Amino acid sequence: MNLDNHLLRQTERFHYDDPTCGVLVDVFRSGTHWHAVAIAENAEWFCHNGFGDSKEQAIEEAVMGVINLVRNRDL
């Protein structure tokens, strides 16, 4: 398996602090769409993907999705 070094260089990584949990976010553009992956920094592993026509839309979908997973885990 070969990694796409061009895609790796285009991927941005940042940390988002939320009172629920910390979130590690990777975001990149593939074609005309943006993709974001949010991973909860928690005792349990939760992950959510986001997609959108804009970078902000993909990030918001991914971050809010993973935060909601963490919030609702005990319901």
N, C-alpha and C. Protein backbone atom coordinates (compact mmCIF):
# COMPACT_ATOMS: atom_id res chain seq x y z
N MET A 1 0.84 -1.17 0.00
CA MET A 1 0.00 0.00 0.00
C MET A 1 0.89 1.24 0.00
N ASN A 2 0.60 2.15 -0.89
CA ASN A 2 1.35 3.41 -0.98
C ASN A 2 0.49 4.54 -0.44
N LEU A 3 1.08 5.37 0.41
CA LEU A 3 0.38 6.54 0.92
C LEU A 3 0.48 7.67 -0.10
N ASP A 4 -0.56 8.44 -0.21
CA ASP A 4 -0.58 9.60 -1.09
C ASP A 4 0.06 10.78 -0.36
N ASN A 5 1.33 11.02 -0.61
CA ASN A 5 2.06 12.09 0.09
C ASN A 5 1.48 13.46 -0.20
N HIS A 6 0.94 13.65 -1.39
CA HIS A 6 0.32 14.93 -1.72
C HIS A 6 -0.88 15.18 -0.80
N LEU A 7 -1.71 14.18 -0.59
CA LEU A 7 -2.86 14.30 0.30
C LEU A 7 -2.42 14.50 1.75
N LEU A 8 -1.36 13.82 2.16
CA LEU A 8 -0.85 14.00 3.52
C LEU A 8 -0.39 15.44 3.76
N ARG A 9 0.25 16.03 2.78
CA ARG A 9 0.72 17.41 2.92
C ARG A 9 -0.44 18.41 2.96
N GLN A 10 -1.56 18.05 2.35
CA GLN A 10 -2.71 18.95 2.31
C GLN A 10 -3.61 18.80 3.53
N THR A 11 -3.41 17.77 4.33
CA THR A 11 -4.26 17.55 5.49
C THR A 11 -3.86 18.48 6.63
N GLU A 12 -4.85 19.16 7.18
CA GLU A 12 -4.64 20.04 8.32
C GLU A 12 -5.10 19.31 9.58
N ARG A 13 -4.40 19.51 10.67
CA ARG A 13 -4.78 18.90 11.94
C ARG A 13 -4.80 19.98 13.01
N PHE A 14 -5.84 19.98 13.81
CA PHE A 14 -5.92 20.92 14.91
C PHE A 14 -6.74 20.32 16.04
N HIS A 15 -6.69 20.99 17.18
CA HIS A 15 -7.39 20.55 18.38
C HIS A 15 -8.50 21.54 18.68
N TYR A 16 -9.69 21.02 19.01
CA TYR A 16 -10.83 21.85 19.37
C TYR A 16 -11.20 21.52 20.81
N ASP A 17 -11.24 22.54 21.67
CA ASP A 17 -11.61 22.34 23.07
C ASP A 17 -13.09 22.60 23.26
N ASP A 18 -13.77 21.64 23.84
CA ASP A 18 -15.19 21.75 24.17
C ASP A 18 -15.35 21.28 25.61
N PRO A 19 -16.29 21.84 26.37
CA PRO A 19 -16.48 21.37 27.75
C PRO A 19 -16.79 19.88 27.84
N THR A 20 -17.38 19.32 26.81
CA THR A 20 -17.71 17.88 26.81
C THR A 20 -16.46 17.04 26.71
N CYS A 21 -15.56 17.40 25.80
CA CYS A 21 -14.31 16.67 25.60
C CYS A 21 -13.45 17.43 24.60
N GLY A 22 -12.18 17.10 24.57
CA GLY A 22 -11.31 17.63 23.53
C GLY A 22 -11.56 16.87 22.24
N VAL A 23 -11.35 17.53 21.13
CA VAL A 23 -11.59 16.90 19.83
C VAL A 23 -10.38 17.15 18.93
N LEU A 24 -9.84 16.08 18.36
CA LEU A 24 -8.76 16.18 17.38
C LEU A 24 -9.41 16.12 16.01
N VAL A 25 -9.09 17.08 15.14
CA VAL A 25 -9.74 17.18 13.83
C VAL A 25 -8.70 17.15 12.72
N ASP A 26 -8.94 16.30 11.74
CA ASP A 26 -8.17 16.28 10.49
C ASP A 26 -9.11 16.74 9.39
N VAL A 27 -8.66 17.65 8.54
CA VAL A 27 -9.50 18.14 7.45
C VAL A 27 -8.66 18.23 6.17
N PHE A 28 -9.29 17.87 5.06
CA PHE A 28 -8.61 17.92 3.77
C PHE A 28 -9.65 18.06 2.65
N ARG A 29 -9.18 18.49 1.51
CA ARG A 29 -10.04 18.64 0.33
C ARG A 29 -9.71 17.52 -0.64
N SER A 30 -10.77 16.91 -1.13
CA SER A 30 -10.62 15.86 -2.13
C SER A 30 -11.57 16.18 -3.28
N GLY A 31 -11.01 16.55 -4.40
CA GLY A 31 -11.85 16.97 -5.51
C GLY A 31 -12.48 18.31 -5.19
N THR A 32 -13.80 18.37 -5.27
CA THR A 32 -14.50 19.62 -5.00
C THR A 32 -15.09 19.67 -3.60
N HIS A 33 -14.95 18.60 -2.83
CA HIS A 33 -15.55 18.54 -1.50
C HIS A 33 -14.51 18.50 -0.40
N TRP A 34 -14.92 18.96 0.77
CA TRP A 34 -14.08 18.92 1.96
C TRP A 34 -14.48 17.74 2.82
N HIS A 35 -13.51 17.12 3.46
CA HIS A 35 -13.72 15.99 4.36
C HIS A 35 -13.07 16.34 5.70
N ALA A 36 -13.76 16.03 6.78
CA ALA A 36 -13.21 16.24 8.11
C ALA A 36 -13.47 14.99 8.94
N VAL A 37 -12.52 14.64 9.78
CA VAL A 37 -12.65 13.53 10.70
C VAL A 37 -12.38 14.07 12.10
N ALA A 38 -13.35 13.88 12.99
CA ALA A 38 -13.20 14.35 14.37
C ALA A 38 -13.11 13.15 15.29
N ILE A 39 -12.13 13.16 16.18
CA ILE A 39 -11.91 12.07 17.13
C ILE A 39 -11.98 12.66 18.54
N ALA A 40 -12.86 12.09 19.37
CA ALA A 40 -13.00 12.56 20.74
C ALA A 40 -11.82 12.09 21.57
N GLU A 41 -11.25 13.01 22.33
CA GLU A 41 -10.19 12.66 23.27
C GLU A 41 -10.88 12.33 24.59
N ASN A 42 -11.15 11.06 24.76
CA ASN A 42 -11.99 10.59 25.84
C ASN A 42 -11.51 9.20 26.24
N ALA A 43 -12.04 8.68 27.33
CA ALA A 43 -11.65 7.33 27.75
C ALA A 43 -12.08 6.29 26.72
N GLU A 44 -13.17 6.57 26.01
CA GLU A 44 -13.65 5.69 24.95
C GLU A 44 -13.39 6.39 23.61
N TRP A 45 -13.24 5.60 22.56
CA TRP A 45 -12.96 6.17 21.25
C TRP A 45 -14.25 6.44 20.50
N PHE A 46 -14.45 7.68 20.11
CA PHE A 46 -15.57 8.06 19.28
C PHE A 46 -15.03 8.85 18.09
N CYS A 47 -15.62 8.61 16.93
CA CYS A 47 -15.16 9.26 15.71
C CYS A 47 -16.38 9.63 14.88
N HIS A 48 -16.32 10.74 14.19
CA HIS A 48 -17.41 11.14 13.31
C HIS A 48 -16.82 11.82 12.08
N ASN A 49 -17.39 11.54 10.92
CA ASN A 49 -16.94 12.14 9.66
C ASN A 49 -17.85 13.29 9.29
N GLY A 50 -17.30 14.27 8.63
CA GLY A 50 -18.08 15.39 8.11
C GLY A 50 -17.69 15.65 6.67
N PHE A 51 -18.66 16.02 5.87
CA PHE A 51 -18.44 16.32 4.47
C PHE A 51 -19.14 17.61 4.12
N GLY A 52 -18.62 18.37 3.17
CA GLY A 52 -19.30 19.59 2.79
C GLY A 52 -18.66 20.26 1.60
N ASP A 53 -19.40 21.22 1.07
CA ASP A 53 -18.88 22.03 -0.04
C ASP A 53 -17.87 23.05 0.46
N SER A 54 -17.94 23.37 1.77
CA SER A 54 -16.97 24.29 2.35
C SER A 54 -16.22 23.58 3.48
N LYS A 55 -15.06 24.09 3.75
CA LYS A 55 -14.22 23.56 4.83
C LYS A 55 -14.95 23.67 6.17
N GLU A 56 -15.55 24.83 6.41
CA GLU A 56 -16.25 25.07 7.67
C GLU A 56 -17.43 24.12 7.86
N GLN A 57 -18.16 23.84 6.79
CA GLN A 57 -19.30 22.93 6.85
C GLN A 57 -18.86 21.52 7.24
N ALA A 58 -17.79 21.04 6.64
CA ALA A 58 -17.27 19.71 6.95
C ALA A 58 -16.78 19.62 8.39
N ILE A 59 -16.07 20.64 8.84
CA ILE A 59 -15.55 20.65 10.21
C ILE A 59 -16.70 20.68 11.21
N GLU A 60 -17.68 21.54 10.98
CA GLU A 60 -18.81 21.64 11.91
C GLU A 60 -19.57 20.32 12.01
N GLU A 61 -19.83 19.67 10.89
CA GLU A 61 -20.53 18.40 10.90
C GLU A 61 -19.76 17.34 11.68
N ALA A 62 -18.47 17.28 11.48
CA ALA A 62 -17.65 16.27 12.15
C ALA A 62 -17.54 16.54 13.65
N VAL A 63 -17.25 17.78 14.04
CA VAL A 63 -17.07 18.12 15.45
C VAL A 63 -18.38 17.98 16.22
N MET A 64 -19.46 18.53 15.69
CA MET A 64 -20.75 18.43 16.38
C MET A 64 -21.21 16.97 16.46
N GLY A 65 -20.92 16.19 15.44
CA GLY A 65 -21.30 14.78 15.45
C GLY A 65 -20.59 14.00 16.55
N VAL A 66 -19.30 14.21 16.70
CA VAL A 66 -18.56 13.46 17.72
C VAL A 66 -18.91 13.96 19.12
N ILE A 67 -19.14 15.25 19.29
CA ILE A 67 -19.54 15.77 20.60
C ILE A 67 -20.91 15.20 20.99
N ASN A 68 -21.83 15.13 20.06
CA ASN A 68 -23.14 14.54 20.35
C ASN A 68 -23.03 13.06 20.70
N LEU A 69 -22.14 12.34 20.04
CA LEU A 69 -21.92 10.93 20.39
C LEU A 69 -21.45 10.79 21.84
N VAL A 70 -20.53 11.63 22.25
CA VAL A 70 -20.00 11.57 23.60
C VAL A 70 -21.08 11.96 24.62
N ARG A 71 -21.82 13.01 24.33
CA ARG A 71 -22.89 13.46 25.23
C ARG A 71 -23.98 12.41 25.41
N ASN A 72 -24.30 11.69 24.34
CA ASN A 72 -25.42 10.75 24.38
C ASN A 72 -25.02 9.33 24.69
N ARG A 73 -23.78 9.07 25.00
CA ARG A 73 -23.32 7.68 25.19
C ARG A 73 -23.98 6.99 26.37
N ASP A 74 -24.37 7.75 27.37
CA ASP A 74 -24.95 7.12 28.57
C ASP A 74 -26.46 7.15 28.58
N LEU A 75 -27.10 7.62 27.51
CA LEU A 75 -28.56 7.69 27.48
C LEU A 75 -29.19 6.36 27.18
